[in-house]
Amino acid sequence: MGYLILATIAAVGLLASITCHLLGWLQVEPPLGKSIFVLHGGIFVVWIPLVIFANRTMPKPGRNNMDHLLAELPKWMRVATGILFVYAILNFVYFIYCTSQYPKHGVPFSIELRGFSGHWMMFYGTAMAGFIALSRLARKRRKSETVT
């Protein structure tokens, strides 16, 4: 149940970051203005528990602690997570290019919002997928324990 609560929190962050991203592309300031950057901190609310739980559920110690979680997800969700990751990288490259066109403290808010929200989408989306996978893994483990 706790995994699904964390997945819901990540989903809310994902929806908020998608909204900010679209507003950035449309050059519309979000209703909360620059205080929307609180989404930076929200990433830690979901990522710290995700890393801890992912490490605890790893079948063997080592790197790539998300691989066993991604294996629990349907193919479409793994593909969507990969697409989100690639989009975030491309968006970041474009963000760097756009910001180079302005003086150091003269970058328009819409460009900043678009750049940062691309990362927010990746982190919140991956966290949501990770917690859904943890929930599926826990359910599978409970089921196997009741069988034996």
Protein backbone atom coordinates (compact mmCIF):
# COMPACT_ATOMS: atom_id res chain seq x y z
CA MET A 1 0.00 0.00 0.00
CA GLY A 2 2.87 2.36 0.80
CA TYR A 3 4.35 1.87 -2.65
CA LEU A 4 1.07 2.90 -4.26
CA ILE A 5 0.90 6.05 -2.11
CA LEU A 6 4.42 6.98 -3.21
CA ALA A 7 3.48 6.14 -6.83
CA THR A 8 0.50 8.50 -6.49
CA ILE A 9 2.71 11.28 -5.13
CA ALA A 10 5.10 10.73 -8.06
CA ALA A 11 2.14 10.76 -10.48
CA VAL A 12 0.99 14.12 -9.10
CA GLY A 13 4.54 15.44 -9.54
CA LEU A 14 4.60 14.06 -13.08
CA LEU A 15 1.29 15.73 -13.97
CA ALA A 16 2.45 19.03 -12.45
CA SER A 17 5.73 18.87 -14.34
CA ILE A 18 4.00 18.02 -17.64
CA THR A 19 1.69 20.99 -17.08
CA CYS A 20 4.67 23.26 -16.39
CA HIS A 21 6.45 21.92 -19.44
CA LEU A 22 3.50 22.67 -21.69
CA LEU A 23 3.12 26.14 -20.14
CA GLY A 24 6.83 26.74 -20.78
CA TRP A 25 6.45 25.80 -24.45
CA LEU A 26 3.39 28.08 -24.69
CA GLN A 27 5.29 30.86 -22.88
CA VAL A 28 2.56 31.10 -20.25
CA GLU A 29 3.56 31.66 -16.63
CA PRO A 30 2.16 29.00 -14.28
CA PRO A 31 -0.43 30.16 -11.71
CA LEU A 32 2.08 29.76 -8.85
CA GLY A 33 4.82 31.66 -10.69
CA LYS A 34 8.39 30.86 -9.74
CA SER A 35 7.25 29.07 -6.58
CA ILE A 36 6.53 26.12 -8.88
CA PHE A 37 10.23 25.34 -8.55
CA VAL A 38 9.25 23.56 -5.32
CA LEU A 39 8.99 20.59 -7.68
CA HIS A 40 12.80 20.44 -7.41
CA GLY A 41 12.49 19.44 -3.77
CA GLY A 42 9.59 17.11 -4.40
CA ILE A 43 11.87 14.88 -6.41
CA PHE A 44 13.73 13.96 -3.22
CA VAL A 45 10.45 13.00 -1.53
CA VAL A 46 10.03 10.19 -4.05
CA TRP A 47 13.61 9.43 -5.10
CA ILE A 48 15.17 8.79 -1.71
CA PRO A 49 12.58 6.09 -0.81
CA LEU A 50 12.77 4.67 -4.35
CA VAL A 51 16.54 4.22 -4.16
CA ILE A 52 16.31 2.66 -0.68
CA PHE A 53 13.52 0.23 -1.60
CA ALA A 54 15.03 -0.61 -4.98
CA ASN A 55 18.32 -1.48 -3.29
CA ARG A 56 16.55 -3.63 -0.69
CA THR A 57 14.73 -5.65 -3.33
CA MET A 58 17.68 -6.24 -5.64
CA PRO A 59 18.18 -9.94 -6.33
CA LYS A 60 21.97 -9.57 -6.13
CA PRO A 61 24.18 -6.66 -5.06
CA GLY A 62 25.71 -4.48 -7.71
CA ARG A 63 24.76 -1.80 -10.15
CA ASN A 64 21.60 -1.24 -12.20
CA ASN A 65 19.19 -1.45 -9.30
CA MET A 66 16.32 -0.41 -11.59
CA ASP A 67 16.66 -3.36 -13.97
CA HIS A 68 14.82 -5.80 -11.69
CA LEU A 69 12.05 -3.23 -11.22
CA LEU A 70 11.66 -2.47 -14.91
CA ALA A 71 11.30 -6.21 -15.50
CA GLU A 72 8.10 -6.09 -13.40
CA LEU A 73 6.46 -3.53 -15.66
CA PRO A 74 4.47 -4.08 -18.84
CA LYS A 75 6.45 -3.47 -22.01
CA TRP A 76 4.53 -0.29 -22.87
CA MET A 77 5.50 1.23 -19.51
CA ARG A 78 9.18 0.34 -19.95
CA VAL A 79 9.09 1.91 -23.43
CA ALA A 80 7.31 5.03 -22.11
CA THR A 81 9.93 5.40 -19.36
CA GLY A 82 12.71 5.09 -21.96
CA ILE A 83 11.07 7.65 -24.23
CA LEU A 84 10.71 10.04 -21.30
CA PHE A 85 14.42 9.60 -20.51
CA VAL A 86 15.48 10.28 -24.10
CA TYR A 87 13.13 13.29 -24.31
CA ALA A 88 14.62 14.72 -21.11
CA ILE A 89 18.13 14.49 -22.56
CA LEU A 90 17.12 16.08 -25.87
CA ASN A 91 15.17 18.76 -24.02
CA PHE A 92 18.23 19.50 -21.86
CA VAL A 93 20.47 19.88 -24.92
CA TYR A 94 17.93 22.26 -26.45
CA PHE A 95 17.68 24.11 -23.13
CA ILE A 96 21.46 24.62 -23.05
CA TYR A 97 21.34 25.94 -26.61
CA CYS A 98 18.46 28.32 -25.83
CA THR A 99 20.07 29.68 -22.67
CA SER A 100 23.31 30.38 -24.53
CA GLN A 101 21.40 32.99 -26.55
CA TYR A 102 20.86 35.18 -23.45
CA PRO A 103 23.09 36.88 -20.88
CA LYS A 104 23.73 34.99 -17.62
CA HIS A 105 20.74 36.32 -15.64
CA GLY A 106 18.57 37.27 -18.63
CA VAL A 107 17.07 33.90 -19.58
CA PRO A 108 13.27 34.18 -19.92
CA PHE A 109 11.27 32.32 -17.28
CA SER A 110 9.48 30.24 -19.91
CA ILE A 111 12.80 28.78 -21.11
CA GLU A 112 13.92 28.02 -17.55
CA LEU A 113 10.57 26.39 -16.84
CA ARG A 114 10.75 24.29 -19.98
CA GLY A 115 14.30 23.19 -19.22
CA PHE A 116 13.77 22.20 -15.61
CA SER A 117 10.35 20.66 -16.12
CA GLY A 118 11.84 18.23 -18.64
CA HIS A 119 14.00 16.84 -15.85
CA TRP A 120 11.10 16.86 -13.40
CA MET A 121 9.06 14.77 -15.82
CA MET A 122 11.85 12.21 -16.10
CA PHE A 123 12.43 11.93 -12.35
CA TYR A 124 8.76 11.84 -11.35
CA GLY A 125 7.86 9.50 -14.22
CA THR A 126 10.66 7.08 -13.39
CA ALA A 127 9.76 7.22 -9.69
CA MET A 128 6.13 6.46 -10.48
CA ALA A 129 7.16 3.49 -12.63
CA GLY A 130 9.57 2.31 -9.92
CA PHE A 131 6.93 2.35 -7.19
CA ILE A 132 4.41 0.57 -9.40
CA ALA A 133 7.07 -2.07 -10.06
CA LEU A 134 7.84 -2.34 -6.32
CA SER A 135 4.14 -2.82 -5.64
CA ARG A 136 3.93 -5.59 -8.26
CA LEU A 137 7.08 -7.22 -6.88
CA ALA A 138 5.72 -7.14 -3.32
CA ARG A 139 2.41 -8.64 -4.48
CA LYS A 140 4.26 -11.39 -6.36
CA ARG A 141 6.40 -12.17 -3.29
CA ARG A 142 3.33 -12.27 -0.97
CA LYS A 143 1.60 -14.61 -3.40
CA SER A 144 4.60 -16.95 -3.54
CA GLU A 145 4.82 -16.97 0.29
CA THR A 146 1.17 -17.99 0.65
CA VAL A 147 1.64 -20.81 -1.85
CA THR A 148 4.53 -22.36 0.10
